[in-house]
Structures are given as structure tokens and as C-alpha cells.
Amino acid sequence: FAGWKLLEVGNSENLKPTKTWNGISAGCRVY
């Protein structure tokens, strides 16, 4: 699989994000 990953840090009191990072992700899953 491959996809788009997002990570965000913020303040939950005002729901305002301080910093957001985006990027790609790829890996393997076994069932």
C-alpha cells in the first residue's frame, strides 16, 4: 500500500492548529 499521511499539532481549547505536516507513506501489510 501507499498513501498520504498527515500529522498536526494544535490547541484543543480553540481548535487552532499550530503546525501541520503532510507527506507520503508506503508499506506492506500481512493478514
PDB file of all heavy atoms in Angstrom:
ATOM      1  N   PHE A   1       0.821  -1.207   0.000  1.00  0.00           N
ATOM      2  CA  PHE A   1       0.000   0.000   0.000  1.00  0.00           C
ATOM      3  C   PHE A   1       0.856   1.258   0.000  1.00  0.00           C
ATOM      4  O   PHE A   1       2.022   1.252   0.419  1.00  0.00           O
ATOM      5  CB  PHE A   1      -0.952   0.015   1.208  1.00  0.00           C
ATOM      6  CG  PHE A   1      -0.267   0.055   2.545  1.00  0.00           C
ATOM      7  CD1 PHE A   1       0.066   1.258   3.145  1.00  0.00           C
ATOM      8  CD2 PHE A   1       0.054  -1.125   3.213  1.00  0.00           C
ATOM      9  CE1 PHE A   1       0.697   1.307   4.387  1.00  0.00           C
ATOM     10  CE2 PHE A   1       0.681  -1.095   4.449  1.00  0.00           C
ATOM     11  CZ  PHE A   1       0.998   0.118   5.043  1.00  0.00           C
ATOM     12  N   ALA A   2       0.267   2.340  -0.478  1.00  0.00           N
ATOM     13  CA  ALA A   2       0.902   3.662  -0.468  1.00  0.00           C
ATOM     14  C   ALA A   2      -0.188   4.697  -0.272  1.00  0.00           C
ATOM     15  O   ALA A   2      -1.340   4.485  -0.674  1.00  0.00           O
ATOM     16  CB  ALA A   2       1.654   3.919  -1.770  1.00  0.00           C
ATOM     17  N   GLY A   3       0.163   5.804   0.365  1.00  0.00           N
ATOM     18  CA  GLY A   3      -0.876   6.793   0.635  1.00  0.00           C
ATOM     19  C   GLY A   3      -0.325   8.122   1.099  1.00  0.00           C
ATOM     20  O   GLY A   3       0.877   8.402   1.002  1.00  0.00           O
ATOM     21  N   TRP A   4      -1.248   8.939   1.612  1.00  0.00           N
ATOM     22  CA  TRP A   4      -0.953  10.298   2.066  1.00  0.00           C
ATOM     23  C   TRP A   4      -1.132  10.380   3.575  1.00  0.00           C
ATOM     24  O   TRP A   4      -2.178  10.010   4.095  1.00  0.00           O
ATOM     25  CB  TRP A   4      -1.875  11.294   1.374  1.00  0.00           C
ATOM     26  CG  TRP A   4      -1.465  12.720   1.549  1.00  0.00           C
ATOM     27  CD1 TRP A   4      -2.051  13.646   2.375  1.00  0.00           C
ATOM     28  CD2 TRP A   4      -0.399  13.392   0.887  1.00  0.00           C
ATOM     29  NE1 TRP A   4      -1.413  14.851   2.266  1.00  0.00           N
ATOM     30  CE2 TRP A   4      -0.388  14.738   1.355  1.00  0.00           C
ATOM     31  CE3 TRP A   4       0.559  12.999  -0.064  1.00  0.00           C
ATOM     32  CZ2 TRP A   4       0.542  15.663   0.910  1.00  0.00           C
ATOM     33  CZ3 TRP A   4       1.496  13.939  -0.501  1.00  0.00           C
ATOM     34  CH2 TRP A   4       1.469  15.253  -0.015  1.00  0.00           C
ATOM     35  N   LYS A   5      -0.100  10.866   4.274  1.00  0.00           N
ATOM     36  CA  LYS A   5      -0.134  10.933   5.737  1.00  0.00           C
ATOM     37  C   LYS A   5      -0.135  12.379   6.199  1.00  0.00           C
ATOM     38  O   LYS A   5       0.548  13.230   5.616  1.00  0.00           O
ATOM     39  CB  LYS A   5       1.059  10.189   6.334  1.00  0.00           C
ATOM     40  CG  LYS A   5       1.032  10.109   7.864  1.00  0.00           C
ATOM     41  CD  LYS A   5       2.135   9.226   8.387  1.00  0.00           C
ATOM     42  CE  LYS A   5       2.095   9.162   9.915  1.00  0.00           C
ATOM     43  NZ  LYS A   5       0.830   8.545  10.396  1.00  0.00           N
ATOM     44  N   LEU A   6      -0.891  12.641   7.253  1.00  0.00           N
ATOM     45  CA  LEU A   6      -0.977  13.972   7.851  1.00  0.00           C
ATOM     46  C   LEU A   6      -0.724  13.876   9.344  1.00  0.00           C
ATOM     47  O   LEU A   6      -1.225  12.971  10.013  1.00  0.00           O
ATOM     48  CB  LEU A   6      -2.342  14.601   7.581  1.00  0.00           C
ATOM     49  CG  LEU A   6      -2.640  15.972   8.220  1.00  0.00           C
ATOM     50  CD1 LEU A   6      -3.526  16.795   7.295  1.00  0.00           C
ATOM     51  CD2 LEU A   6      -3.336  15.816   9.579  1.00  0.00           C
ATOM     52  N   LEU A   7       0.053  14.816   9.866  1.00  0.00           N
ATOM     53  CA  LEU A   7       0.296  14.933  11.303  1.00  0.00           C
ATOM     54  C   LEU A   7       0.139  16.398  11.685  1.00  0.00           C
ATOM     55  O   LEU A   7       0.742  17.273  11.054  1.00  0.00           O
ATOM     56  CB  LEU A   7       1.692  14.435  11.673  1.00  0.00           C
ATOM     57  CG  LEU A   7       2.059  14.426  13.160  1.00  0.00           C
ATOM     58  CD1 LEU A   7       1.146  13.477  13.929  1.00  0.00           C
ATOM     59  CD2 LEU A   7       3.517  14.024  13.351  1.00  0.00           C
ATOM     60  N   GLU A   8      -0.665  16.655  12.725  1.00  0.00           N
ATOM     61  CA  GLU A   8      -0.967  18.039  13.110  1.00  0.00           C
ATOM     62  C   GLU A   8      -0.890  18.197  14.620  1.00  0.00           C
ATOM     63  O   GLU A   8      -1.318  17.321  15.377  1.00  0.00           O
ATOM     64  CB  GLU A   8      -2.364  18.412  12.611  1.00  0.00           C
ATOM     65  CG  GLU A   8      -2.795  19.830  12.930  1.00  0.00           C
ATOM     66  CD  GLU A   8      -4.180  20.134  12.387  1.00  0.00           C
ATOM     67  OE1 GLU A   8      -4.283  20.498  11.204  1.00  0.00           O
ATOM     68  OE2 GLU A   8      -5.165  19.963  13.142  1.00  0.00           O
ATOM     69  N   VAL A   9      -0.353  19.330  15.066  1.00  0.00           N
ATOM     70  CA  VAL A   9      -0.281  19.686  16.488  1.00  0.00           C
ATOM     71  C   VAL A   9      -1.025  20.997  16.674  1.00  0.00           C
ATOM     72  O   VAL A   9      -0.895  21.920  15.864  1.00  0.00           O
ATOM     73  CB  VAL A   9       1.176  19.838  16.955  1.00  0.00           C
ATOM     74  CG1 VAL A   9       1.217  20.224  18.430  1.00  0.00           C
ATOM     75  CG2 VAL A   9       1.959  18.567  16.721  1.00  0.00           C
ATOM     76  N   GLY A  10      -1.825  21.074  17.739  1.00  0.00           N
ATOM     77  CA  GLY A  10      -2.576  22.305  17.963  1.00  0.00           C
ATOM     78  C   GLY A  10      -3.103  22.413  19.373  1.00  0.00           C
ATOM     79  O   GLY A  10      -2.786  21.605  20.249  1.00  0.00           O
ATOM     80  N   ASN A  11      -3.928  23.429  19.583  1.00  0.00           N
ATOM     81  CA  ASN A  11      -4.531  23.690  20.884  1.00  0.00           C
ATOM     82  C   ASN A  11      -6.008  23.310  20.829  1.00  0.00           C
ATOM     83  O   ASN A  11      -6.752  23.833  19.999  1.00  0.00           O
ATOM     84  CB  ASN A  11      -4.375  25.174  21.254  1.00  0.00           C
ATOM     85  CG  ASN A  11      -4.904  25.493  22.621  1.00  0.00           C
ATOM     86  OD1 ASN A  11      -6.104  25.657  22.809  1.00  0.00           O
ATOM     87  ND2 ASN A  11      -4.014  25.580  23.596  1.00  0.00           N
ATOM     88  N   SER A  12      -6.424  22.406  21.699  1.00  0.00           N
ATOM     89  CA  SER A  12      -7.795  21.892  21.659  1.00  0.00           C
ATOM     90  C   SER A  12      -8.806  22.868  22.257  1.00  0.00           C
ATOM     91  O   SER A  12     -10.007  22.702  22.070  1.00  0.00           O
ATOM     92  CB  SER A  12      -7.875  20.558  22.410  1.00  0.00           C
ATOM     93  OG  SER A  12      -7.479  20.707  23.763  1.00  0.00           O
ATOM     94  N   GLU A  13      -8.316  23.871  22.971  1.00  0.00           N
ATOM     95  CA  GLU A  13      -9.226  24.834  23.575  1.00  0.00           C
ATOM     96  C   GLU A  13      -9.894  25.704  22.501  1.00  0.00           C
ATOM     97  O   GLU A  13     -11.086  26.003  22.572  1.00  0.00           O
ATOM     98  CB  GLU A  13      -8.471  25.709  24.576  1.00  0.00           C
ATOM     99  CG  GLU A  13      -9.372  26.582  25.427  1.00  0.00           C
ATOM    100  CD  GLU A  13      -8.592  27.315  26.487  1.00  0.00           C
ATOM    101  OE1 GLU A  13      -7.415  27.685  26.241  1.00  0.00           O
ATOM    102  OE2 GLU A  13      -9.137  27.524  27.584  1.00  0.00           O
ATOM    103  N   ASN A  14      -9.117  26.082  21.503  1.00  0.00           N
ATOM    104  CA  ASN A  14      -9.678  26.896  20.416  1.00  0.00           C
ATOM    105  C   ASN A  14      -9.662  26.159  19.076  1.00  0.00           C
ATOM    106  O   ASN A  14     -10.002  26.741  18.042  1.00  0.00           O
ATOM    107  CB  ASN A  14      -8.908  28.215  20.271  1.00  0.00           C
ATOM    108  CG  ASN A  14      -7.408  27.998  20.153  1.00  0.00           C
ATOM    109  OD1 ASN A  14      -6.947  26.950  19.686  1.00  0.00           O
ATOM    110  ND2 ASN A  14      -6.636  28.982  20.576  1.00  0.00           N
ATOM    111  N   LEU A  15      -9.248  24.853  19.117  1.00  0.00           N
ATOM    112  CA  LEU A  15      -9.182  24.019  17.910  1.00  0.00           C
ATOM    113  C   LEU A  15      -8.354  24.665  16.807  1.00  0.00           C
ATOM    114  O   LEU A  15      -8.655  24.543  15.617  1.00  0.00           O
ATOM    115  CB  LEU A  15     -10.597  23.711  17.396  1.00  0.00           C
ATOM    116  CG  LEU A  15     -11.487  22.892  18.341  1.00  0.00           C
ATOM    117  CD1 LEU A  15     -12.849  22.671  17.724  1.00  0.00           C
ATOM    118  CD2 LEU A  15     -10.829  21.560  18.675  1.00  0.00           C
ATOM    119  N   LYS A  16      -7.299  25.364  17.221  1.00  0.00           N
ATOM    120  CA  LYS A  16      -6.440  26.048  16.265  1.00  0.00           C
ATOM    121  C   LYS A  16      -5.150  25.266  16.075  1.00  0.00           C
ATOM    122  O   LYS A  16      -4.403  25.050  17.028  1.00  0.00           O
ATOM    123  CB  LYS A  16      -6.123  27.462  16.758  1.00  0.00           C
ATOM    124  CG  LYS A  16      -5.267  28.265  15.790  1.00  0.00           C
ATOM    125  CD  LYS A  16      -5.005  29.661  16.333  1.00  0.00           C
ATOM    126  CE  LYS A  16      -4.137  30.467  15.357  1.00  0.00           C
ATOM    127  NZ  LYS A  16      -3.870  31.826  15.870  1.00  0.00           N
ATOM    128  N   PRO A  17      -4.874  24.802  14.837  1.00  0.00           N
ATOM    129  CA  PRO A  17      -3.625  24.073  14.596  1.00  0.00           C
ATOM    130  C   PRO A  17      -2.404  24.989  14.677  1.00  0.00           C
ATOM    131  O   PRO A  17      -2.429  26.117  14.183  1.00  0.00           O
ATOM    132  CB  PRO A  17      -3.809  23.520  13.179  1.00  0.00           C
ATOM    133  CG  PRO A  17      -4.786  24.437  12.532  1.00  0.00           C
ATOM    134  CD  PRO A  17      -5.706  24.903  13.624  1.00  0.00           C
ATOM    135  N   THR A  18      -1.359  24.493  15.317  1.00  0.00           N
ATOM    136  CA  THR A  18      -0.108  25.238  15.399  1.00  0.00           C
ATOM    137  C   THR A  18       0.815  24.898  14.238  1.00  0.00           C
ATOM    138  O   THR A  18       1.469  25.767  13.673  1.00  0.00           O
ATOM    139  CB  THR A  18       0.611  24.919  16.723  1.00  0.00           C
ATOM    140  OG1 THR A  18      -0.268  25.217  17.817  1.00  0.00           O
ATOM    141  CG2 THR A  18       1.888  25.727  16.871  1.00  0.00           C
ATOM    142  N   LYS A  19       0.857  23.619  13.892  1.00  0.00           N
ATOM    143  CA  LYS A  19       1.718  23.170  12.799  1.00  0.00           C
ATOM    144  C   LYS A  19       1.110  21.922  12.178  1.00  0.00           C
ATOM    145  O   LYS A  19       0.627  21.037  12.880  1.00  0.00           O
ATOM    146  CB  LYS A  19       3.127  22.864  13.331  1.00  0.00           C
ATOM    147  CG  LYS A  19       4.163  22.615  12.258  1.00  0.00           C
ATOM    148  CD  LYS A  19       4.578  23.875  11.543  1.00  0.00           C
ATOM    149  CE  LYS A  19       5.715  23.621  10.565  1.00  0.00           C
ATOM    150  NZ  LYS A  19       6.151  24.825   9.851  1.00  0.00           N
ATOM    151  N   THR A  20       1.147  21.842  10.842  1.00  0.00           N
ATOM    152  CA  THR A  20       0.630  20.682  10.114  1.00  0.00           C
ATOM    153  C   THR A  20       1.683  20.211   9.126  1.00  0.00           C
ATOM    154  O   THR A  20       2.272  21.021   8.397  1.00  0.00           O
ATOM    155  CB  THR A  20      -0.666  21.033   9.357  1.00  0.00           C
ATOM    156  OG1 THR A  20      -1.641  21.515  10.282  1.00  0.00           O
ATOM    157  CG2 THR A  20      -1.222  19.805   8.662  1.00  0.00           C
ATOM    158  N   TRP A  21       1.921  18.907   9.118  1.00  0.00           N
ATOM    159  CA  TRP A  21       2.859  18.307   8.172  1.00  0.00           C
ATOM    160  C   TRP A  21       2.129  17.291   7.307  1.00  0.00           C
ATOM    161  O   TRP A  21       1.298  16.529   7.789  1.00  0.00           O
ATOM    162  CB  TRP A  21       4.003  17.612   8.907  1.00  0.00           C
ATOM    163  CG  TRP A  21       4.812  18.519   9.793  1.00  0.00           C
ATOM    164  CD1 TRP A  21       5.851  19.313   9.439  1.00  0.00           C
ATOM    165  CD2 TRP A  21       4.645  18.696  11.207  1.00  0.00           C
ATOM    166  NE1 TRP A  21       6.348  19.979  10.529  1.00  0.00           N
ATOM    167  CE2 TRP A  21       5.628  19.621  11.635  1.00  0.00           C
ATOM    168  CE3 TRP A  21       3.772  18.155  12.154  1.00  0.00           C
ATOM    169  CZ2 TRP A  21       5.752  20.020  12.949  1.00  0.00           C
ATOM    170  CZ3 TRP A  21       3.883  18.544  13.467  1.00  0.00           C
ATOM    171  CH2 TRP A  21       4.867  19.478  13.858  1.00  0.00           C
ATOM    172  N   ASN A  22       2.465  17.249   6.027  1.00  0.00           N
ATOM    173  CA  ASN A  22       1.890  16.288   5.088  1.00  0.00           C
ATOM    174  C   ASN A  22       3.010  15.581   4.348  1.00  0.00           C
ATOM    175  O   ASN A  22       4.096  16.131   4.158  1.00  0.00           O
ATOM    176  CB  ASN A  22       0.990  16.988   4.062  1.00  0.00           C
ATOM    177  CG  ASN A  22      -0.274  17.540   4.697  1.00  0.00           C
ATOM    178  OD1 ASN A  22      -1.248  16.830   4.875  1.00  0.00           O
ATOM    179  ND2 ASN A  22      -0.247  18.832   5.048  1.00  0.00           N
ATOM    180  N   GLY A  23       2.712  14.348   3.915  1.00  0.00           N
ATOM    181  CA  GLY A  23       3.721  13.622   3.154  1.00  0.00           C
ATOM    182  C   GLY A  23       3.223  12.269   2.687  1.00  0.00           C
ATOM    183  O   GLY A  23       2.049  11.925   2.852  1.00  0.00           O
ATOM    184  N   ILE A  24       4.137  11.517   2.113  1.00  0.00           N
ATOM    185  CA  ILE A  24       3.790  10.216   1.544  1.00  0.00           C
ATOM    186  C   ILE A  24       4.159   9.087   2.504  1.00  0.00           C
ATOM    187  O   ILE A  24       5.037   9.229   3.352  1.00  0.00           O
ATOM    188  CB  ILE A  24       4.496   9.998   0.192  1.00  0.00           C
ATOM    189  CG1 ILE A  24       6.024  10.135   0.359  1.00  0.00           C
ATOM    190  CG2 ILE A  24       3.983  10.986  -0.845  1.00  0.00           C
ATOM    191  CD1 ILE A  24       6.797   9.808  -0.907  1.00  0.00           C
ATOM    192  N   SER A  25       3.449   7.963   2.350  1.00  0.00           N
ATOM    193  CA  SER A  25       3.691   6.780   3.174  1.00  0.00           C
ATOM    194  C   SER A  25       3.544   5.540   2.304  1.00  0.00           C
ATOM    195  O   SER A  25       2.688   5.499   1.406  1.00  0.00           O
ATOM    196  CB  SER A  25       2.696   6.732   4.336  1.00  0.00           C
ATOM    197  OG  SER A  25       2.842   5.536   5.080  1.00  0.00           O
ATOM    198  N   ALA A  26       4.364   4.520   2.544  1.00  0.00           N
ATOM    199  CA  ALA A  26       4.287   3.269   1.783  1.00  0.00           C
ATOM    200  C   ALA A  26       4.741   2.123   2.664  1.00  0.00           C
ATOM    201  O   ALA A  26       5.644   2.277   3.499  1.00  0.00           O
ATOM    202  CB  ALA A  26       5.146   3.351   0.526  1.00  0.00           C
ATOM    203  N   GLY A  27       4.093   0.961   2.490  1.00  0.00           N
ATOM    204  CA  GLY A  27       4.462  -0.175   3.316  1.00  0.00           C
ATOM    205  C   GLY A  27       3.803  -1.460   2.882  1.00  0.00           C
ATOM    206  O   GLY A  27       3.254  -1.567   1.774  1.00  0.00           O
ATOM    207  N   CYS A  28       3.838  -2.443   3.784  1.00  0.00           N
ATOM    208  CA  CYS A  28       3.296  -3.772   3.499  1.00  0.00           C
ATOM    209  C   CYS A  28       2.488  -4.240   4.702  1.00  0.00           C
ATOM    210  O   CYS A  28       2.872  -4.003   5.848  1.00  0.00           O
ATOM    211  CB  CYS A  28       4.429  -4.748   3.206  1.00  0.00           C
ATOM    212  SG  CYS A  28       3.874  -6.439   2.877  1.00  0.00           S
ATOM    213  N   ARG A  29       1.366  -4.904   4.421  1.00  0.00           N
ATOM    214  CA  ARG A  29       0.511  -5.460   5.465  1.00  0.00           C
ATOM    215  C   ARG A  29       0.300  -6.950   5.210  1.00  0.00           C
ATOM    216  O   ARG A  29       0.105  -7.362   4.056  1.00  0.00           O
ATOM    217  CB  ARG A  29      -0.839  -4.718   5.505  1.00  0.00           C
ATOM    218  CG  ARG A  29      -1.791  -5.225   6.587  1.00  0.00           C
ATOM    219  CD  ARG A  29      -3.103  -4.437   6.571  1.00  0.00           C
ATOM    220  NE  ARG A  29      -2.900  -3.040   6.963  1.00  0.00           N
ATOM    221  CZ  ARG A  29      -2.984  -2.018   6.131  1.00  0.00           C
ATOM    222  NH1 ARG A  29      -3.294  -2.211   4.850  1.00  0.00           N
ATOM    223  NH2 ARG A  29      -2.775  -0.782   6.557  1.00  0.00           N
ATOM    224  N   VAL A  30       0.336  -7.751   6.266  1.00  0.00           N
ATOM    225  CA  VAL A  30       0.101  -9.186   6.135  1.00  0.00           C
ATOM    226  C   VAL A  30      -1.110  -9.557   6.972  1.00  0.00           C
ATOM    227  O   VAL A  30      -1.279  -9.076   8.100  1.00  0.00           O
ATOM    228  CB  VAL A  30       1.336  -9.998   6.548  1.00  0.00           C
ATOM    229  CG1 VAL A  30       1.744  -9.725   7.996  1.00  0.00           C
ATOM    230  CG2 VAL A  30       1.100 -11.491   6.355  1.00  0.00           C
ATOM    231  N   TYR A  31      -1.980 -10.416   6.441  1.00  0.00           N
ATOM    232  CA  TYR A  31      -3.186 -10.863   7.115  1.00  0.00           C
ATOM    233  C   TYR A  31      -3.018 -12.313   7.573  1.00  0.00           C
ATOM    234  O   TYR A  31      -2.430 -13.144   6.861  1.00  0.00           O
ATOM    235  CB  TYR A  31      -4.391 -10.768   6.174  1.00  0.00           C
ATOM    236  CG  TYR A  31      -4.768  -9.359   5.794  1.00  0.00           C
ATOM    237  CD1 TYR A  31      -4.066  -8.663   4.808  1.00  0.00           C
ATOM    238  CD2 TYR A  31      -5.837  -8.700   6.395  1.00  0.00           C
ATOM    239  CE1 TYR A  31      -4.398  -7.365   4.449  1.00  0.00           C
ATOM    240  CE2 TYR A  31      -6.184  -7.406   6.041  1.00  0.00           C
ATOM    241  CZ  TYR A  31      -5.475  -6.741   5.064  1.00  0.00           C
ATOM    242  OH  TYR A  31      -5.808  -5.453   4.714  1.00  0.00           O
TER     243      TYR A  31
END
